[in-house]
Amino acid sequence: MREDLTVYYDGACPLCRREIGHYRRCAGAERVNFVDLAAIGSDAALGPGLDSAAARARLHVREADGRLVSGAAAFARLWRLLPGWRWLGRLVGLRLFGLHPVLTLAEAAYRLSLPLRPRLARLLRR
């Protein structure tokens, strides 16, 4: 199996588990290594430039070449790899006049959603 991307997610978070579970069932997911942070023994297992606190705070993906991407850009990278989501990944990555307007808006929305994550997770536990 060729892994093009490693996705680090918080398996202790019901919201994160549910979302990653969806992506795992998508076509193309066999090319992704999904790493549950709740099952990691040490930060060394995460590779260079990433520690468990940062990884739990927001979504991170690592490219096959070792480059680390986080936040909305990480989602866009994952989506571009999954055929059913590719259109959204391309939209978020759209570049106009040297700028990434959709990515900028997506990152702002992602940052605004982060404080809501614990509340949403509690709702999912019910």
C-alpha atoms as a PDB file:
ATOM      1  CA  MET A   1       0.000   0.000   0.000  1.00  0.00           C
ATOM      2  CA  ARG A   2       1.360   3.411  -0.998  1.00  0.00           C
ATOM      3  CA  GLU A   3       0.664   6.136   1.552  1.00  0.00           C
ATOM      4  CA  ASP A   4       0.645   9.615   0.076  1.00  0.00           C
ATOM      5  CA  LEU A   5      -0.476  11.391   3.214  1.00  0.00           C
ATOM      6  CA  THR A   6      -0.502  10.946   6.989  1.00  0.00           C
ATOM      7  CA  VAL A   7      -3.439  12.460   8.878  1.00  0.00           C
ATOM      8  CA  TYR A   8      -3.079  13.083  12.615  1.00  0.00           C
ATOM      9  CA  TYR A   9      -6.388  13.224  14.473  1.00  0.00           C
ATOM     10  CA  ASP A  10      -7.625  13.223  18.052  1.00  0.00           C
ATOM     11  CA  GLY A  11      -9.268   9.837  18.514  1.00  0.00           C
ATOM     12  CA  ALA A  12     -10.417  10.880  22.004  1.00  0.00           C
ATOM     13  CA  CYS A  13     -12.686  13.498  20.392  1.00  0.00           C
ATOM     14  CA  PRO A  14     -16.023  12.009  19.232  1.00  0.00           C
ATOM     15  CA  LEU A  15     -16.429  14.697  16.586  1.00  0.00           C
ATOM     16  CA  CYS A  16     -12.950  14.034  15.173  1.00  0.00           C
ATOM     17  CA  ARG A  17     -13.469  10.254  15.293  1.00  0.00           C
ATOM     18  CA  ARG A  18     -16.735  10.546  13.386  1.00  0.00           C
ATOM     19  CA  GLU A  19     -15.287  12.795  10.701  1.00  0.00           C
ATOM     20  CA  ILE A  20     -12.161  10.680  10.229  1.00  0.00           C
ATOM     21  CA  GLY A  21     -14.348   7.571  10.154  1.00  0.00           C
ATOM     22  CA  HIS A  22     -16.187   9.079   7.217  1.00  0.00           C
ATOM     23  CA  TYR A  23     -12.948   9.812   5.342  1.00  0.00           C
ATOM     24  CA  ARG A  24     -11.641   6.282   6.051  1.00  0.00           C
ATOM     25  CA  ARG A  25     -14.636   4.873   4.171  1.00  0.00           C
ATOM     26  CA  CYS A  26     -14.044   7.052   1.096  1.00  0.00           C
ATOM     27  CA  ALA A  27     -12.472   5.867  -2.125  1.00  0.00           C
ATOM     28  CA  GLY A  28      -8.790   6.745  -2.054  1.00  0.00           C
ATOM     29  CA  ALA A  29      -8.485   6.383   1.731  1.00  0.00           C
ATOM     30  CA  GLU A  30      -6.151   3.434   1.281  1.00  0.00           C
ATOM     31  CA  ARG A  31      -3.501   6.009   0.323  1.00  0.00           C
ATOM     32  CA  VAL A  32      -3.828   7.735   3.703  1.00  0.00           C
ATOM     33  CA  ASN A  33      -2.199   6.739   6.974  1.00  0.00           C
ATOM     34  CA  PHE A  34      -4.625   7.834   9.709  1.00  0.00           C
ATOM     35  CA  VAL A  35      -2.814   8.273  13.033  1.00  0.00           C
ATOM     36  CA  ASP A  36      -4.939   8.368  16.174  1.00  0.00           C
ATOM     37  CA  LEU A  37      -3.202  10.687  18.638  1.00  0.00           C
ATOM     38  CA  ALA A  38      -4.919   8.904  21.530  1.00  0.00           C
ATOM     39  CA  ALA A  39      -2.948   5.767  20.603  1.00  0.00           C
ATOM     40  CA  ILE A  40       0.468   7.460  20.255  1.00  0.00           C
ATOM     41  CA  GLY A  41       2.955   6.783  23.025  1.00  0.00           C
ATOM     42  CA  SER A  42       5.330   9.687  22.459  1.00  0.00           C
ATOM     43  CA  ASP A  43       5.799  12.846  20.454  1.00  0.00           C
ATOM     44  CA  ALA A  44       8.698  11.172  18.625  1.00  0.00           C
ATOM     45  CA  ALA A  45       6.152   9.002  16.796  1.00  0.00           C
ATOM     46  CA  LEU A  46       4.688  12.150  15.216  1.00  0.00           C
ATOM     47  CA  GLY A  47       7.848  13.067  13.359  1.00  0.00           C
ATOM     48  CA  PRO A  48       9.688  16.368  13.120  1.00  0.00           C
ATOM     49  CA  GLY A  49       7.897  19.659  13.687  1.00  0.00           C
ATOM     50  CA  LEU A  50       4.844  18.244  15.446  1.00  0.00           C
ATOM     51  CA  ASP A  51       4.095  17.549  19.095  1.00  0.00           C
ATOM     52  CA  SER A  52       0.968  16.027  20.593  1.00  0.00           C
ATOM     53  CA  ALA A  53      -0.360  19.335  22.007  1.00  0.00           C
ATOM     54  CA  ALA A  54      -0.179  21.043  18.612  1.00  0.00           C
ATOM     55  CA  ALA A  55      -1.579  17.970  16.865  1.00  0.00           C
ATOM     56  CA  ARG A  56      -4.590  17.851  19.196  1.00  0.00           C
ATOM     57  CA  ALA A  57      -5.263  21.569  18.783  1.00  0.00           C
ATOM     58  CA  ARG A  58      -5.925  21.391  15.019  1.00  0.00           C
ATOM     59  CA  LEU A  59      -5.836  18.937  12.132  1.00  0.00           C
ATOM     60  CA  HIS A  60      -2.382  18.211  10.722  1.00  0.00           C
ATOM     61  CA  VAL A  61      -1.335  16.194   7.690  1.00  0.00           C
ATOM     62  CA  ARG A  62       2.136  15.223   6.588  1.00  0.00           C
ATOM     63  CA  GLU A  63       2.916  14.903   2.890  1.00  0.00           C
ATOM     64  CA  ALA A  64       4.928  11.928   1.628  1.00  0.00           C
ATOM     65  CA  ASP A  65       7.911  14.290   1.337  1.00  0.00           C
ATOM     66  CA  GLY A  66       7.647  15.152   5.060  1.00  0.00           C
ATOM     67  CA  ARG A  67       6.076  18.606   4.684  1.00  0.00           C
ATOM     68  CA  LEU A  68       3.565  19.362   7.443  1.00  0.00           C
ATOM     69  CA  VAL A  69       0.289  21.180   6.719  1.00  0.00           C
ATOM     70  CA  SER A  70      -2.376  22.176   9.257  1.00  0.00           C
ATOM     71  CA  GLY A  71      -5.847  23.666   9.575  1.00  0.00           C
ATOM     72  CA  ALA A  72      -7.992  24.339   6.514  1.00  0.00           C
ATOM     73  CA  ALA A  73      -5.014  23.677   4.238  1.00  0.00           C
ATOM     74  CA  ALA A  74      -4.727  20.192   5.786  1.00  0.00           C
ATOM     75  CA  PHE A  75      -8.380  19.465   5.049  1.00  0.00           C
ATOM     76  CA  ALA A  76      -7.937  20.735   1.489  1.00  0.00           C
ATOM     77  CA  ARG A  77      -4.918  18.449   1.031  1.00  0.00           C
ATOM     78  CA  LEU A  78      -6.842  15.434   2.304  1.00  0.00           C
ATOM     79  CA  TRP A  79      -9.832  16.283   0.118  1.00  0.00           C
ATOM     80  CA  ARG A  80      -7.664  16.549  -3.012  1.00  0.00           C
ATOM     81  CA  LEU A  81      -6.551  12.955  -2.429  1.00  0.00           C
ATOM     82  CA  LEU A  82     -10.091  11.548  -2.085  1.00  0.00           C
ATOM     83  CA  PRO A  83     -11.934  11.394  -5.446  1.00  0.00           C
ATOM     84  CA  GLY A  84     -15.359  12.256  -4.004  1.00  0.00           C
ATOM     85  CA  TRP A  85     -13.961  15.305  -2.234  1.00  0.00           C
ATOM     86  CA  ARG A  86     -11.398  16.386  -4.828  1.00  0.00           C
ATOM     87  CA  TRP A  87     -13.594  19.212  -6.148  1.00  0.00           C
ATOM     88  CA  LEU A  88     -13.728  20.812  -2.689  1.00  0.00           C
ATOM     89  CA  GLY A  89      -9.989  20.474  -2.184  1.00  0.00           C
ATOM     90  CA  ARG A  90      -9.398  22.180  -5.515  1.00  0.00           C
ATOM     91  CA  LEU A  91     -11.880  24.934  -4.690  1.00  0.00           C
ATOM     92  CA  VAL A  92     -10.213  25.650  -1.351  1.00  0.00           C
ATOM     93  CA  GLY A  93      -6.798  25.656  -3.035  1.00  0.00           C
ATOM     94  CA  LEU A  94      -7.920  27.980  -5.845  1.00  0.00           C
ATOM     95  CA  ARG A  95      -5.389  30.697  -6.521  1.00  0.00           C
ATOM     96  CA  LEU A  96      -6.475  34.055  -7.932  1.00  0.00           C
ATOM     97  CA  PHE A  97      -4.019  36.869  -8.636  1.00  0.00           C
ATOM     98  CA  GLY A  98      -1.443  35.179  -6.414  1.00  0.00           C
ATOM     99  CA  LEU A  99      -3.873  34.894  -3.494  1.00  0.00           C
ATOM    100  CA  HIS A 100      -5.839  32.007  -2.003  1.00  0.00           C
ATOM    101  CA  PRO A 101      -9.151  33.701  -1.138  1.00  0.00           C
ATOM    102  CA  VAL A 102     -11.149  30.524  -0.450  1.00  0.00           C
ATOM    103  CA  LEU A 103      -8.386  29.069   1.714  1.00  0.00           C
ATOM    104  CA  THR A 104      -8.187  32.324   3.676  1.00  0.00           C
ATOM    105  CA  LEU A 105     -11.947  32.207   4.345  1.00  0.00           C
ATOM    106  CA  ALA A 106     -11.837  28.477   5.121  1.00  0.00           C
ATOM    107  CA  GLU A 107      -9.001  28.990   7.613  1.00  0.00           C
ATOM    108  CA  ALA A 108     -10.924  31.800   9.325  1.00  0.00           C
ATOM    109  CA  ALA A 109     -14.009  29.569   9.575  1.00  0.00           C
ATOM    110  CA  TYR A 110     -11.867  26.683  10.869  1.00  0.00           C
ATOM    111  CA  ARG A 111     -10.321  28.865  13.572  1.00  0.00           C
ATOM    112  CA  LEU A 112     -13.760  30.108  14.607  1.00  0.00           C
ATOM    113  CA  SER A 113     -15.004  26.512  14.848  1.00  0.00           C
ATOM    114  CA  LEU A 114     -12.164  25.275  17.085  1.00  0.00           C
ATOM    115  CA  PRO A 115     -13.588  26.722  20.340  1.00  0.00           C
ATOM    116  CA  LEU A 116     -16.912  25.035  19.511  1.00  0.00           C
ATOM    117  CA  ARG A 117     -15.358  21.592  19.115  1.00  0.00           C
ATOM    118  CA  PRO A 118     -15.666  20.578  22.803  1.00  0.00           C
ATOM    119  CA  ARG A 119     -19.358  21.533  22.856  1.00  0.00           C
ATOM    120  CA  LEU A 120     -20.060  19.684  19.637  1.00  0.00           C
ATOM    121  CA  ALA A 121     -18.195  16.653  20.987  1.00  0.00           C
ATOM    122  CA  ARG A 122     -20.349  16.688  24.133  1.00  0.00           C
ATOM    123  CA  LEU A 123     -23.491  16.772  21.976  1.00  0.00           C
ATOM    124  CA  LEU A 124     -22.262  13.751  20.027  1.00  0.00           C
ATOM    125  CA  ARG A 125     -21.658  11.794  23.240  1.00  0.00           C
ATOM    126  CA  ARG A 126     -25.323  12.110  24.184  1.00  0.00           C
END
